PDB file of N, CA and C in Angstrom:
ATOM      1  N   MET A   1       9.332  37.184  -2.893  1.00  0.00           N
ATOM      2  CA  MET A   1       8.135  36.493  -2.993  1.00  0.00           C
ATOM      3  C   MET A   1       7.976  35.374  -3.918  1.00  0.00           C
ATOM      4  N   ILE A   2       8.500  35.564  -5.029  1.00  0.00           N
ATOM      5  CA  ILE A   2       8.560  34.494  -5.984  1.00  0.00           C
ATOM      6  C   ILE A   2       9.570  33.326  -5.671  1.00  0.00           C
ATOM      7  N   LEU A   3      10.653  33.597  -5.026  1.00  0.00           N
ATOM      8  CA  LEU A   3      11.554  32.772  -4.545  1.00  0.00           C
ATOM      9  C   LEU A   3      10.986  31.974  -3.503  1.00  0.00           C
ATOM     10  N   SER A   4      10.280  32.638  -2.440  1.00  0.00           N
ATOM     11  CA  SER A   4       9.536  31.761  -1.494  1.00  0.00           C
ATOM     12  C   SER A   4       8.584  30.818  -1.935  1.00  0.00           C
ATOM     13  N   LYS A   5       7.980  31.322  -3.012  1.00  0.00           N
ATOM     14  CA  LYS A   5       6.950  30.417  -3.561  1.00  0.00           C
ATOM     15  C   LYS A   5       7.551  29.241  -4.217  1.00  0.00           C
ATOM     16  N   LEU A   6       8.787  29.330  -4.893  1.00  0.00           N
ATOM     17  CA  LEU A   6       9.510  28.250  -5.543  1.00  0.00           C
ATOM     18  C   LEU A   6       9.911  27.472  -4.432  1.00  0.00           C
ATOM     19  N   ILE A   7      10.411  27.832  -3.442  1.00  0.00           N
ATOM     20  CA  ILE A   7      10.937  27.079  -2.292  1.00  0.00           C
ATOM     21  C   ILE A   7       9.845  26.184  -1.756  1.00  0.00           C
ATOM     22  N   ILE A   8       8.682  26.704  -1.526  1.00  0.00           N
ATOM     23  CA  ILE A   8       7.574  25.996  -0.977  1.00  0.00           C
ATOM     24  C   ILE A   8       7.185  24.811  -2.164  1.00  0.00           C
ATOM     25  N   VAL A   9       7.129  25.091  -3.214  1.00  0.00           N
ATOM     26  CA  VAL A   9       6.890  24.202  -4.168  1.00  0.00           C
ATOM     27  C   VAL A   9       7.848  23.021  -4.443  1.00  0.00           C
ATOM     28  N   TYR A  10       9.153  23.463  -4.451  1.00  0.00           N
ATOM     29  CA  TYR A  10      10.261  22.508  -4.503  1.00  0.00           C
ATOM     30  C   TYR A  10      10.183  21.585  -3.108  1.00  0.00           C
ATOM     31  N   THR A  11      10.092  22.187  -1.946  1.00  0.00           N
ATOM     32  CA  THR A  11      10.068  21.314  -0.772  1.00  0.00           C
ATOM     33  C   THR A  11       8.765  20.360  -0.792  1.00  0.00           C
ATOM     34  N   THR A  12       7.667  20.786  -1.133  1.00  0.00           N
ATOM     35  CA  THR A  12       6.661  19.935  -1.427  1.00  0.00           C
ATOM     36  C   THR A  12       6.852  18.881  -2.444  1.00  0.00           C
ATOM     37  N   LEU A  13       7.339  19.025  -3.443  1.00  0.00           N
ATOM     38  CA  LEU A  13       7.646  18.087  -4.373  1.00  0.00           C
ATOM     39  C   LEU A  13       8.800  17.000  -4.057  1.00  0.00           C
ATOM     40  N   VAL A  14       9.769  17.634  -3.193  1.00  0.00           N
ATOM     41  CA  VAL A  14      10.787  16.528  -2.561  1.00  0.00           C
ATOM     42  C   VAL A  14      10.422  15.906  -1.447  1.00  0.00           C
ATOM     43  N   THR A  15       9.499  16.433  -0.612  1.00  0.00           N
ATOM     44  CA  THR A  15       9.112  15.878   0.711  1.00  0.00           C
ATOM     45  C   THR A  15       7.814  15.090   0.423  1.00  0.00           C
ATOM     46  N   SER A  16       6.952  15.350  -0.471  1.00  0.00           N
ATOM     47  CA  SER A  16       5.724  14.568  -0.680  1.00  0.00           C
ATOM     48  C   SER A  16       5.983  13.077  -1.172  1.00  0.00           C
ATOM     49  N   PRO A  17       5.295  12.132  -0.443  1.00  0.00           N
ATOM     50  CA  PRO A  17       5.442  10.727  -0.905  1.00  0.00           C
ATOM     51  C   PRO A  17       4.724  10.671  -2.311  1.00  0.00           C
ATOM     52  N   LYS A  18       5.403   9.809  -3.127  1.00  0.00           N
ATOM     53  CA  LYS A  18       5.132   9.577  -4.473  1.00  0.00           C
ATOM     54  C   LYS A  18       4.227   8.258  -4.650  1.00  0.00           C
ATOM     55  N   ALA A  19       4.384   7.366  -3.485  1.00  0.00           N
ATOM     56  CA  ALA A  19       3.636   6.112  -3.641  1.00  0.00           C
ATOM     57  C   ALA A  19       3.105   5.602  -2.321  1.00  0.00           C
ATOM     58  N   GLU A  20       2.359   4.647  -2.217  1.00  0.00           N
ATOM     59  CA  GLU A  20       1.859   4.299  -0.952  1.00  0.00           C
ATOM     60  C   GLU A  20       1.901   2.563  -0.969  1.00  0.00           C
ATOM     61  N   VAL A  21       1.970   1.964   0.197  1.00  0.00           N
ATOM     62  CA  VAL A  21       1.921   0.569   0.342  1.00  0.00           C
ATOM     63  C   VAL A  21       0.567   0.311   0.913  1.00  0.00           C
ATOM     64  N   TYR A  22      -0.131  -0.747   0.381  1.00  0.00           N
ATOM     65  CA  TYR A  22      -1.649  -0.982   0.860  1.00  0.00           C
ATOM     66  C   TYR A  22      -1.573  -2.170   1.553  1.00  0.00           C
ATOM     67  N   PHE A  23      -2.693  -2.321   2.533  1.00  0.00           N
ATOM     68  CA  PHE A  23      -2.953  -3.671   3.098  1.00  0.00           C
ATOM     69  C   PHE A  23      -4.596  -3.973   2.930  1.00  0.00           C
ATOM     70  N   ILE A  24      -4.732  -4.889   1.976  1.00  0.00           N
ATOM     71  CA  ILE A  24      -6.241  -5.075   1.557  1.00  0.00           C
ATOM     72  C   ILE A  24      -6.681  -6.550   1.968  1.00  0.00           C
ATOM     73  N   GLN A  25      -7.566  -6.571   2.655  1.00  0.00           N
ATOM     74  CA  GLN A  25      -8.049  -7.918   3.394  1.00  0.00           C
ATOM     75  C   GLN A  25      -9.236  -8.472   2.578  1.00  0.00           C
ATOM     76  N   ASP A  26      -9.308  -9.699   2.399  1.00  0.00           N
ATOM     77  CA  ASP A  26     -10.403 -10.512   1.994  1.00  0.00           C
ATOM     78  C   ASP A  26     -11.524 -10.721   3.198  1.00  0.00           C
ATOM     79  N   SER A  27     -12.733 -10.360   3.118  1.00  0.00           N
ATOM     80  CA  SER A  27     -13.514 -10.528   4.210  1.00  0.00           C
ATOM     81  C   SER A  27     -13.737 -11.897   4.620  1.00  0.00           C
ATOM     82  N   VAL A  28     -13.791 -12.841   3.551  1.00  0.00           N
ATOM     83  CA  VAL A  28     -13.973 -14.333   3.868  1.00  0.00           C
ATOM     84  C   VAL A  28     -12.703 -15.115   4.280  1.00  0.00           C
ATOM     85  N   THR A  29     -11.857 -15.145   3.593  1.00  0.00           N
ATOM     86  CA  THR A  29     -10.545 -15.884   3.864  1.00  0.00           C
ATOM     87  C   THR A  29      -9.567 -15.102   4.893  1.00  0.00           C
ATOM     88  N   LYS A  30      -9.745 -13.936   5.186  1.00  0.00           N
ATOM     89  CA  LYS A  30      -9.037 -13.083   6.049  1.00  0.00           C
ATOM     90  C   LYS A  30      -7.573 -12.716   5.492  1.00  0.00           C
ATOM     91  N   MET A  31      -7.284 -13.269   4.256  1.00  0.00           N
ATOM     92  CA  MET A  31      -6.015 -13.180   3.572  1.00  0.00           C
ATOM     93  C   MET A  31      -5.714 -11.589   3.342  1.00  0.00           C
ATOM     94  N   VAL A  32      -4.575 -11.265   3.539  1.00  0.00           N
ATOM     95  CA  VAL A  32      -4.084  -9.822   3.322  1.00  0.00           C
ATOM     96  C   VAL A  32      -3.137  -9.742   2.210  1.00  0.00           C
ATOM     97  N   LYS A  33      -3.491  -8.781   1.351  1.00  0.00           N
ATOM     98  CA  LYS A  33      -2.671  -8.462   0.172  1.00  0.00           C
ATOM     99  C   LYS A  33      -1.704  -7.113   0.516  1.00  0.00           C
ATOM    100  N   ILE A  34      -0.406  -7.435   0.559  1.00  0.00           N
ATOM    101  CA  ILE A  34       0.499  -6.366   0.592  1.00  0.00           C
ATOM    102  C   ILE A  34       0.877  -5.837  -0.759  1.00  0.00           C
ATOM    103  N   GLY A  35       0.545  -4.591  -1.168  1.00  0.00           N
ATOM    104  CA  GLY A  35       0.947  -4.228  -2.495  1.00  0.00           C
ATOM    105  C   GLY A  35       1.403  -2.647  -2.483  1.00  0.00           C
ATOM    106  N   LYS A  36       1.638  -2.052  -3.567  1.00  0.00           N
ATOM    107  CA  LYS A  36       2.125  -0.831  -3.696  1.00  0.00           C
ATOM    108  C   LYS A  36       1.303  -0.253  -4.828  1.00  0.00           C
ATOM    109  N   THR A  37       1.229   1.074  -4.913  1.00  0.00           N
ATOM    110  CA  THR A  37       0.680   1.946  -5.909  1.00  0.00           C
ATOM    111  C   THR A  37       0.830   3.382  -5.736  1.00  0.00           C
ATOM    112  N   GLY A  38       0.376   4.126  -6.674  1.00  0.00           N
ATOM    113  CA  GLY A  38       0.716   5.659  -6.596  1.00  0.00           C
ATOM    114  C   GLY A  38       0.095   6.223  -5.423  1.00  0.00           C
ATOM    115  N   ILE A  39       0.613   7.363  -4.880  1.00  0.00           N
ATOM    116  CA  ILE A  39       0.009   8.056  -3.869  1.00  0.00           C
ATOM    117  C   ILE A  39      -1.543   8.132  -3.980  1.00  0.00           C
ATOM    118  N   ASN A  40      -2.268   7.915  -3.006  1.00  0.00           N
ATOM    119  CA  ASN A  40      -3.596   8.122  -2.862  1.00  0.00           C
ATOM    120  C   ASN A  40      -4.452   7.261  -4.035  1.00  0.00           C
ATOM    121  N   ASN A  41      -3.890   6.204  -4.540  1.00  0.00           N
ATOM    122  CA  ASN A  41      -4.366   5.493  -5.642  1.00  0.00           C
ATOM    123  C   ASN A  41      -4.976   4.053  -5.049  1.00  0.00           C
ATOM    124  N   SER A  42      -4.888   3.775  -3.666  1.00  0.00           N
ATOM    125  CA  SER A  42      -5.374   2.680  -3.172  1.00  0.00           C
ATOM    126  C   SER A  42      -6.855   2.400  -3.309  1.00  0.00           C
ATOM    127  N   PRO A  43      -7.687   3.134  -3.130  1.00  0.00           N
ATOM    128  CA  PRO A  43      -9.153   3.044  -3.390  1.00  0.00           C
ATOM    129  C   PRO A  43      -9.381   2.440  -4.808  1.00  0.00           C
ATOM    130  N   GLU A  44      -8.713   3.054  -5.631  1.00  0.00           N
ATOM    131  CA  GLU A  44      -8.748   2.598  -7.224  1.00  0.00           C
ATOM    132  C   GLU A  44      -8.177   1.167  -7.427  1.00  0.00           C
ATOM    133  N   ARG A  45      -7.152   0.932  -6.751  1.00  0.00           N
ATOM    134  CA  ARG A  45      -6.663  -0.371  -6.692  1.00  0.00           C
ATOM    135  C   ARG A  45      -7.477  -1.384  -6.039  1.00  0.00           C
ATOM    136  N   LEU A  46      -8.155  -0.952  -5.074  1.00  0.00           N
ATOM    137  CA  LEU A  46      -9.192  -1.863  -4.255  1.00  0.00           C
ATOM    138  C   LEU A  46     -10.247  -2.181  -5.190  1.00  0.00           C
ATOM    139  N   LYS A  47     -10.813  -1.289  -5.965  1.00  0.00           N
ATOM    140  CA  LYS A  47     -11.847  -1.601  -7.077  1.00  0.00           C
ATOM    141  C   LYS A  47     -11.237  -2.559  -8.133  1.00  0.00           C
ATOM    142  N   GLN A  48      -9.978  -2.370  -8.624  1.00  0.00           N
ATOM    143  CA  GLN A  48      -9.563  -3.159  -9.500  1.00  0.00           C
ATOM    144  C   GLN A  48      -9.465  -4.778  -9.049  1.00  0.00           C
ATOM    145  N   LEU A  49      -9.063  -4.912  -7.893  1.00  0.00           N
ATOM    146  CA  LEU A  49      -8.892  -6.136  -7.210  1.00  0.00           C
ATOM    147  C   LEU A  49     -10.181  -6.837  -6.903  1.00  0.00           C
ATOM    148  N   GLN A  50     -11.241  -5.982  -6.628  1.00  0.00           N
ATOM    149  CA  GLN A  50     -12.438  -6.453  -6.174  1.00  0.00           C
ATOM    150  C   GLN A  50     -13.247  -7.043  -7.544  1.00  0.00           C
ATOM    151  N   THR A  51     -12.907  -6.427  -8.648  1.00  0.00           N
ATOM    152  CA  THR A  51     -13.691  -6.876  -9.878  1.00  0.00           C
ATOM    153  C   THR A  51     -13.518  -8.588  -9.986  1.00  0.00           C
ATOM    154  N   GLY A  52     -12.434  -8.823  -9.593  1.00  0.00           N
ATOM    155  CA  GLY A  52     -12.054 -10.379  -9.829  1.00  0.00           C
ATOM    156  C   GLY A  52     -12.324 -11.318  -8.689  1.00  0.00           C
ATOM    157  N   ASN A  53     -12.839 -10.704  -7.644  1.00  0.00           N
ATOM    158  CA  ASN A  53     -12.963 -11.424  -6.321  1.00  0.00           C
ATOM    159  C   ASN A  53     -14.252 -11.577  -5.746  1.00  0.00           C
ATOM    160  N   PRO A  54     -14.720 -12.540  -5.585  1.00  0.00           N
ATOM    161  CA  PRO A  54     -16.186 -12.826  -5.294  1.00  0.00           C
ATOM    162  C   PRO A  54     -16.400 -12.586  -3.742  1.00  0.00           C
ATOM    163  N   SER A  55     -15.533 -12.397  -2.988  1.00  0.00           N
ATOM    164  CA  SER A  55     -15.450 -12.089  -1.674  1.00  0.00           C
ATOM    165  C   SER A  55     -15.370 -10.477  -1.432  1.00  0.00           C
ATOM    166  N   GLN A  56     -15.959  -9.797  -0.434  1.00  0.00           N
ATOM    167  CA  GLN A  56     -15.659  -8.468  -0.314  1.00  0.00           C
ATOM    168  C   GLN A  56     -14.326  -8.083   0.179  1.00  0.00           C
ATOM    169  N   LEU A  57     -13.534  -7.120  -0.438  1.00  0.00           N
ATOM    170  CA  LEU A  57     -12.235  -6.805  -0.156  1.00  0.00           C
ATOM    171  C   LEU A  57     -12.469  -5.385   0.547  1.00  0.00           C
ATOM    172  N   VAL A  58     -11.487  -5.320   1.545  1.00  0.00           N
ATOM    173  CA  VAL A  58     -11.387  -4.065   2.492  1.00  0.00           C
ATOM    174  C   VAL A  58     -10.235  -3.433   2.468  1.00  0.00           C
ATOM    175  N   LEU A  59     -10.078  -2.089   2.113  1.00  0.00           N
ATOM    176  CA  LEU A  59      -8.852  -1.317   2.304  1.00  0.00           C
ATOM    177  C   LEU A  59      -8.490  -1.283   3.938  1.00  0.00           C
ATOM    178  N   VAL A  60      -7.504  -1.954   4.427  1.00  0.00           N
ATOM    179  CA  VAL A  60      -7.191  -1.870   5.908  1.00  0.00           C
ATOM    180  C   VAL A  60      -6.351  -0.780   6.432  1.00  0.00           C
ATOM    181  N   LYS A  61      -5.342  -0.575   5.414  1.00  0.00           N
ATOM    182  CA  LYS A  61      -4.379   0.464   5.755  1.00  0.00           C
ATOM    183  C   LYS A  61      -3.294   0.851   4.733  1.00  0.00           C
ATOM    184  N   THR A  62      -2.909   2.088   4.675  1.00  0.00           N
ATOM    185  CA  THR A  62      -2.087   2.651   3.760  1.00  0.00           C
ATOM    186  C   THR A  62      -0.882   3.167   4.300  1.00  0.00           C
ATOM    187  N   ILE A  63       0.171   3.236   3.858  1.00  0.00           N
ATOM    188  CA  ILE A  63       1.619   3.828   4.414  1.00  0.00           C
ATOM    189  C   ILE A  63       2.209   4.662   3.108  1.00  0.00           C
ATOM    190  N   PRO A  64       1.917   5.839   3.215  1.00  0.00           N
ATOM    191  CA  PRO A  64       2.585   6.937   2.182  1.00  0.00           C
ATOM    192  C   PRO A  64       4.265   6.693   2.425  1.00  0.00           C
ATOM    193  N   THR A  65       4.703   6.790   1.155  1.00  0.00           N
ATOM    194  CA  THR A  65       6.240   6.366   1.149  1.00  0.00           C
ATOM    195  C   THR A  65       6.880   7.101  -0.012  1.00  0.00           C
ATOM    196  N   HIS A  66       8.251   7.247  -0.083  1.00  0.00           N
ATOM    197  CA  HIS A  66       8.962   7.513  -1.332  1.00  0.00           C
ATOM    198  C   HIS A  66       9.508   6.405  -1.976  1.00  0.00           C
ATOM    199  N   GLN A  67       9.439   5.391  -1.292  1.00  0.00           N
ATOM    200  CA  GLN A  67      10.192   4.147  -1.926  1.00  0.00           C
ATOM    201  C   GLN A  67       9.053   2.950  -1.854  1.00  0.00           C
ATOM    202  N   GLY A  68       8.258   3.054  -2.748  1.00  0.00           N
ATOM    203  CA  GLY A  68       7.143   1.975  -2.628  1.00  0.00           C
ATOM    204  C   GLY A  68       7.606   0.665  -2.935  1.00  0.00           C
ATOM    205  N   PHE A  69       8.529   0.388  -3.823  1.00  0.00           N
ATOM    206  CA  PHE A  69       9.192  -0.896  -4.159  1.00  0.00           C
ATOM    207  C   PHE A  69       9.669  -1.384  -3.115  1.00  0.00           C
ATOM    208  N   LYS A  70      10.836  -0.514  -2.492  1.00  0.00           N
ATOM    209  CA  LYS A  70      11.644  -0.969  -1.213  1.00  0.00           C
ATOM    210  C   LYS A  70      10.665  -1.352   0.030  1.00  0.00           C
ATOM    211  N   LEU A  71       9.676  -0.545   0.320  1.00  0.00           N
ATOM    212  CA  LEU A  71       8.976  -0.775   1.587  1.00  0.00           C
ATOM    213  C   LEU A  71       8.020  -2.142   1.153  1.00  0.00           C
ATOM    214  N   GLU A  72       7.593  -2.333   0.132  1.00  0.00           N
ATOM    215  CA  GLU A  72       6.893  -3.477   0.004  1.00  0.00           C
ATOM    216  C   GLU A  72       7.561  -4.717  -0.031  1.00  0.00           C
ATOM    217  N   LYS A  73       8.854  -4.761  -0.535  1.00  0.00           N
ATOM    218  CA  LYS A  73       9.940  -5.828  -0.475  1.00  0.00           C
ATOM    219  C   LYS A  73      10.126  -5.963   0.999  1.00  0.00           C
ATOM    220  N   VAL A  74      10.465  -5.035   1.673  1.00  0.00           N
ATOM    221  CA  VAL A  74      10.696  -5.017   3.223  1.00  0.00           C
ATOM    222  C   VAL A  74       9.599  -5.937   3.917  1.00  0.00           C
ATOM    223  N   LEU A  75       8.433  -5.418   3.671  1.00  0.00           N
ATOM    224  CA  LEU A  75       7.216  -5.986   4.415  1.00  0.00           C
ATOM    225  C   LEU A  75       6.934  -7.371   3.959  1.00  0.00           C
ATOM    226  N   HIS A  76       7.150  -7.678   2.672  1.00  0.00           N
ATOM    227  CA  HIS A  76       6.951  -9.027   2.411  1.00  0.00           C
ATOM    228  C   HIS A  76       8.087 -10.140   2.855  1.00  0.00           C
ATOM    229  N   LYS A  77       9.171  -9.410   3.085  1.00  0.00           N
ATOM    230  CA  LYS A  77      10.300 -10.356   3.722  1.00  0.00           C
ATOM    231  C   LYS A  77       9.901 -10.462   5.069  1.00  0.00           C
ATOM    232  N   LYS A  78       9.493  -9.475   5.777  1.00  0.00           N
ATOM    233  CA  LYS A  78       9.284  -9.557   7.237  1.00  0.00           C
ATOM    234  C   LYS A  78       8.167 -10.533   7.485  1.00  0.00           C
ATOM    235  N   HIS A  79       7.030 -10.546   6.676  1.00  0.00           N
ATOM    236  CA  HIS A  79       5.963 -11.564   6.824  1.00  0.00           C
ATOM    237  C   HIS A  79       6.158 -12.753   6.162  1.00  0.00           C
ATOM    238  N   VAL A  80       7.380 -13.091   5.698  1.00  0.00           N
ATOM    239  CA  VAL A  80       7.485 -14.346   4.926  1.00  0.00           C
ATOM    240  C   VAL A  80       6.705 -15.482   5.648  1.00  0.00           C
ATOM    241  N   ALA A  81       6.880 -15.829   7.040  1.00  0.00           N
ATOM    242  CA  ALA A  81       6.323 -16.896   7.840  1.00  0.00           C
ATOM    243  C   ALA A  81       4.767 -16.870   7.494  1.00  0.00           C
ATOM    244  N   ASN A  82       4.229 -15.778   7.179  1.00  0.00           N
ATOM    245  CA  ASN A  82       2.790 -15.806   6.819  1.00  0.00           C
ATOM    246  C   ASN A  82       2.236 -15.721   5.400  1.00  0.00           C
ATOM    247  N   HIS A  83       3.474 -15.916   4.465  1.00  0.00           N
ATOM    248  CA  HIS A  83       3.212 -15.821   3.195  1.00  0.00           C
ATOM    249  C   HIS A  83       2.230 -17.013   2.746  1.00  0.00           C
ATOM    250  N   TYR A  84       1.394 -16.521   1.795  1.00  0.00           N
ATOM    251  CA  TYR A  84       0.350 -17.659   1.062  1.00  0.00           C
ATOM    252  C   TYR A  84       0.649 -17.923  -0.473  1.00  0.00           C
ATOM    253  N   ARG A  85       0.476 -16.760  -1.179  1.00  0.00           N
ATOM    254  CA  ARG A  85       0.799 -16.954  -2.410  1.00  0.00           C
ATOM    255  C   ARG A  85       0.910 -15.583  -2.943  1.00  0.00           C
ATOM    256  N   GLY A  86       1.734 -15.304  -3.842  1.00  0.00           N
ATOM    257  CA  GLY A  86       1.944 -14.102  -4.436  1.00  0.00           C
ATOM    258  C   GLY A  86       2.272 -12.966  -3.572  1.00  0.00           C
ATOM    259  N   GLU A  87       1.248 -11.988  -3.585  1.00  0.00           N
ATOM    260  CA  GLU A  87       1.328 -10.829  -2.461  1.00  0.00           C
ATOM    261  C   GLU A  87       0.340 -11.050  -1.521  1.00  0.00           C
ATOM    262  N   TRP A  88      -0.042 -12.170  -1.159  1.00  0.00           N
ATOM    263  CA  TRP A  88      -1.231 -12.650  -0.086  1.00  0.00           C
ATOM    264  C   TRP A  88      -0.461 -13.172   0.903  1.00  0.00           C
ATOM    265  N   PHE A  89      -1.111 -12.692   2.178  1.00  0.00           N
ATOM    266  CA  PHE A  89      -0.451 -13.058   3.392  1.00  0.00           C
ATOM    267  C   PHE A  89      -1.596 -13.596   4.459  1.00  0.00           C
ATOM    268  N   ARG A  90      -1.277 -14.386   5.293  1.00  0.00           N
ATOM    269  CA  ARG A  90      -2.272 -14.676   6.294  1.00  0.00           C
ATOM    270  C   ARG A  90      -2.594 -13.695   7.331  1.00  0.00           C
ATOM    271  N   GLU A  91      -3.654 -13.539   7.832  1.00  0.00           N
ATOM    272  CA  GLU A  91      -4.207 -12.386   8.708  1.00  0.00           C
ATOM    273  C   GLU A  91      -3.182 -11.855   9.795  1.00  0.00           C
ATOM    274  N   ALA A  92      -2.431 -12.906  10.076  1.00  0.00           N
ATOM    275  CA  ALA A  92      -1.500 -12.370  11.414  1.00  0.00           C
ATOM    276  C   ALA A  92      -0.548 -11.062  11.045  1.00  0.00           C
ATOM    277  N   VAL A  93      -0.514 -10.895   9.627  1.00  0.00           N
ATOM    278  CA  VAL A  93       0.461  -9.722   9.178  1.00  0.00           C
ATOM    279  C   VAL A  93      -0.083  -8.348   9.814  1.00  0.00           C
ATOM    280  N   LEU A  94      -1.329  -8.480  10.090  1.00  0.00           N
ATOM    281  CA  LEU A  94      -2.013  -7.040  10.627  1.00  0.00           C
ATOM    282  C   LEU A  94      -1.818  -6.894  12.166  1.00  0.00           C
ATOM    283  N   ALA A  95      -1.659  -7.958  12.789  1.00  0.00           N
ATOM    284  CA  ALA A  95      -1.120  -7.717  14.150  1.00  0.00           C
ATOM    285  C   ALA A  95       0.317  -7.139  14.470  1.00  0.00           C
ATOM    286  N   LYS A  96       1.064  -7.463  13.431  1.00  0.00           N
ATOM    287  CA  LYS A  96       2.528  -6.984  13.600  1.00  0.00           C
ATOM    288  C   LYS A  96       2.544  -5.364  13.101  1.00  0.00           C
TER     289      LYS A  96
END
């Protein structure tokens, strides 16, 4: 019984994503920020970004992952043609 509980806990720890990549869109410019944060932390990240932005920001999508840095880097490279500045990209990234 104890062993089976330990196996379940271990499996959960190993297989549960630790990070997520998020897509947050500016409602006026339609620019999209592709960033990373801790798992289930995207709503908090949205609040942080909203503080310094006069336009409404919308959390469009999140992707749970074990490798937040790697996935974010891959997505930035994939969408380099739509890069605007920093981690912000033109709206076209949402269509791909």
